[in-house]
Protein backbone atom coordinates (compact mmCIF):
# COMPACT_ATOMS: atom_id res chain seq x y z
CA GLN A 1 -38.91 -38.24 -42.78
CA VAL A 2 -35.93 -37.45 -40.44
CA GLN A 3 -35.36 -34.12 -39.22
CA LEU A 4 -32.99 -32.19 -36.77
CA VAL A 5 -33.86 -28.49 -35.97
CA GLU A 6 -31.33 -26.19 -34.38
CA SER A 7 -31.94 -23.17 -32.23
CA GLY A 8 -30.34 -21.01 -29.73
CA GLY A 9 -27.41 -19.58 -31.86
CA GLY A 10 -26.87 -15.57 -32.12
CA LEU A 11 -24.34 -12.80 -31.41
CA VAL A 12 -22.81 -13.01 -27.90
CA GLN A 13 -19.81 -10.77 -26.64
CA ALA A 14 -16.29 -13.00 -25.66
CA GLY A 15 -16.71 -14.67 -22.08
CA GLY A 16 -20.53 -14.90 -22.76
CA SER A 17 -22.57 -18.01 -23.06
CA LEU A 18 -25.09 -19.65 -25.28
CA ASN A 19 -27.30 -22.89 -25.35
CA LEU A 20 -28.02 -24.79 -28.36
CA SER A 21 -30.77 -26.83 -28.65
CA CYS A 22 -31.41 -29.57 -31.66
CA ARG A 23 -35.16 -31.36 -31.57
CA VAL A 24 -35.04 -34.67 -33.24
CA SER A 25 -37.83 -36.28 -35.09
CA GLY A 26 -37.93 -39.23 -37.37
CA ILE A 27 -35.89 -41.91 -35.58
CA ILE A 28 -36.15 -44.24 -32.58
CA PHE A 29 -33.86 -41.22 -31.12
CA GLY A 30 -33.16 -43.24 -27.73
CA ARG A 31 -30.97 -45.52 -30.04
CA ALA A 32 -29.26 -42.81 -31.62
CA GLY A 33 -25.44 -41.50 -30.93
CA VAL A 34 -25.44 -37.63 -30.91
CA ALA A 35 -23.41 -34.42 -31.55
CA TRP A 36 -22.58 -31.13 -32.24
CA TYR A 37 -19.98 -29.97 -34.76
CA ARG A 38 -18.95 -26.43 -36.01
CA GLN A 39 -17.98 -25.04 -39.61
CA THR A 40 -16.30 -22.16 -40.06
CA PRO A 41 -15.49 -20.46 -43.71
CA GLY A 42 -12.83 -22.36 -45.68
CA ASN A 43 -13.18 -24.80 -43.19
CA GLU A 44 -14.36 -28.47 -43.24
CA ARG A 45 -17.27 -29.25 -40.20
CA GLU A 46 -15.36 -30.37 -37.36
CA LEU A 47 -16.81 -32.52 -34.27
CA LEU A 48 -16.94 -30.43 -31.39
CA ALA A 49 -18.73 -32.80 -29.11
CA ARG A 50 -20.40 -36.11 -28.93
CA LEU A 51 -22.71 -38.23 -26.59
CA PHE A 52 -22.39 -41.95 -26.60
CA ASN A 53 -25.64 -44.22 -25.51
CA HIS A 54 -23.54 -45.72 -23.32
CA GLY A 55 -23.29 -42.08 -21.18
CA GLY A 56 -19.49 -41.30 -22.45
CA SER A 57 -18.73 -38.51 -24.72
CA VAL A 58 -15.74 -37.02 -26.48
CA TYR A 59 -14.67 -32.96 -27.12
CA LEU A 60 -12.86 -31.26 -29.00
CA ASP A 61 -9.65 -30.37 -26.80
CA SER A 62 -10.41 -26.33 -27.50
CA VAL A 63 -13.78 -26.89 -26.00
CA LYS A 64 -13.19 -28.87 -23.26
CA GLY A 65 -14.31 -27.39 -20.22
CA ARG A 66 -16.27 -24.79 -21.54
CA PHE A 67 -18.79 -26.66 -23.79
CA THR A 68 -21.48 -29.57 -22.55
CA ILE A 69 -23.41 -31.91 -24.46
CA SER A 70 -26.74 -33.44 -22.93
CA ARG A 71 -29.70 -35.03 -24.33
CA ASP A 72 -33.31 -35.52 -23.02
CA ASN A 73 -34.30 -38.65 -24.50
CA ALA A 74 -38.27 -37.85 -22.98
CA LYS A 75 -38.22 -35.00 -25.03
CA ASN A 76 -36.06 -35.95 -28.61
CA MET A 77 -33.84 -32.92 -27.46
CA VAL A 78 -29.94 -32.55 -27.69
CA TYR A 79 -28.29 -29.39 -26.00
CA LEU A 80 -25.27 -27.67 -26.27
CA ARG A 81 -23.98 -25.21 -22.96
CA MET A 82 -21.47 -23.24 -24.20
CA ASP A 83 -19.60 -21.22 -21.30
CA SER A 84 -16.74 -18.76 -21.52
CA LEU A 85 -17.25 -17.97 -25.56
CA LYS A 86 -14.21 -16.64 -27.67
CA PRO A 87 -14.14 -15.31 -30.81
CA GLU A 88 -12.81 -18.13 -32.25
CA ASP A 89 -15.89 -20.11 -31.56
CA THR A 90 -17.56 -18.25 -34.11
CA GLY A 91 -19.16 -20.29 -36.99
CA ILE A 92 -22.27 -22.66 -37.92
CA TYR A 93 -23.09 -25.45 -35.50
CA TYR A 94 -24.93 -28.42 -36.63
CA CYS A 95 -26.79 -31.10 -34.93
CA ASN A 96 -26.08 -34.47 -35.45
CA THR A 97 -27.78 -38.12 -34.93
CA ASN A 98 -25.30 -40.91 -35.59
CA GLY A 99 -25.28 -44.81 -35.49
CA ASP A 100 -29.14 -46.23 -35.14
CA GLY A 101 -31.06 -44.07 -37.17
CA GLY A 102 -28.32 -43.23 -40.02
CA ASN A 103 -26.31 -40.20 -40.16
CA ASN A 104 -28.54 -37.10 -40.28
CA TRP A 105 -27.86 -33.34 -39.79
CA GLY A 106 -29.72 -30.06 -39.36
CA GLN A 107 -29.61 -26.78 -41.03
CA GLY A 108 -27.20 -25.44 -38.89
CA THR A 109 -27.34 -22.22 -36.28
CA GLN A 110 -25.14 -19.58 -36.88
CA VAL A 111 -23.06 -18.37 -33.52
CA THR A 112 -21.12 -15.05 -33.45
CA VAL A 113 -18.69 -14.09 -30.52
CA SER A 114 -17.68 -10.42 -30.48
CA SER A 115 -14.44 -9.81 -29.33
């Protein structure tokens, strides 16, 4: 059974930082691509950051330079470091694995940025 469990969300003031974590089990993690998505009320889930197995990454323009995705294959973990947070970053953040092992999602963690 594939499981992705996010943690690290919460309430933070604008300009602050948060570190999100995602623990993955049930797949051969090292073979999977990983990503973080965000969903806000009334909107579709949007891709924030994606890390490919070859080491390349892509980021949503609005988070470039502020968010950093990383992974630890030895621990089956995915991380999202978020700096200089803005109120518009508020939403539910989802961890995703893709490619080898299928397309899998966590339950989401709420991030709220106050102005």
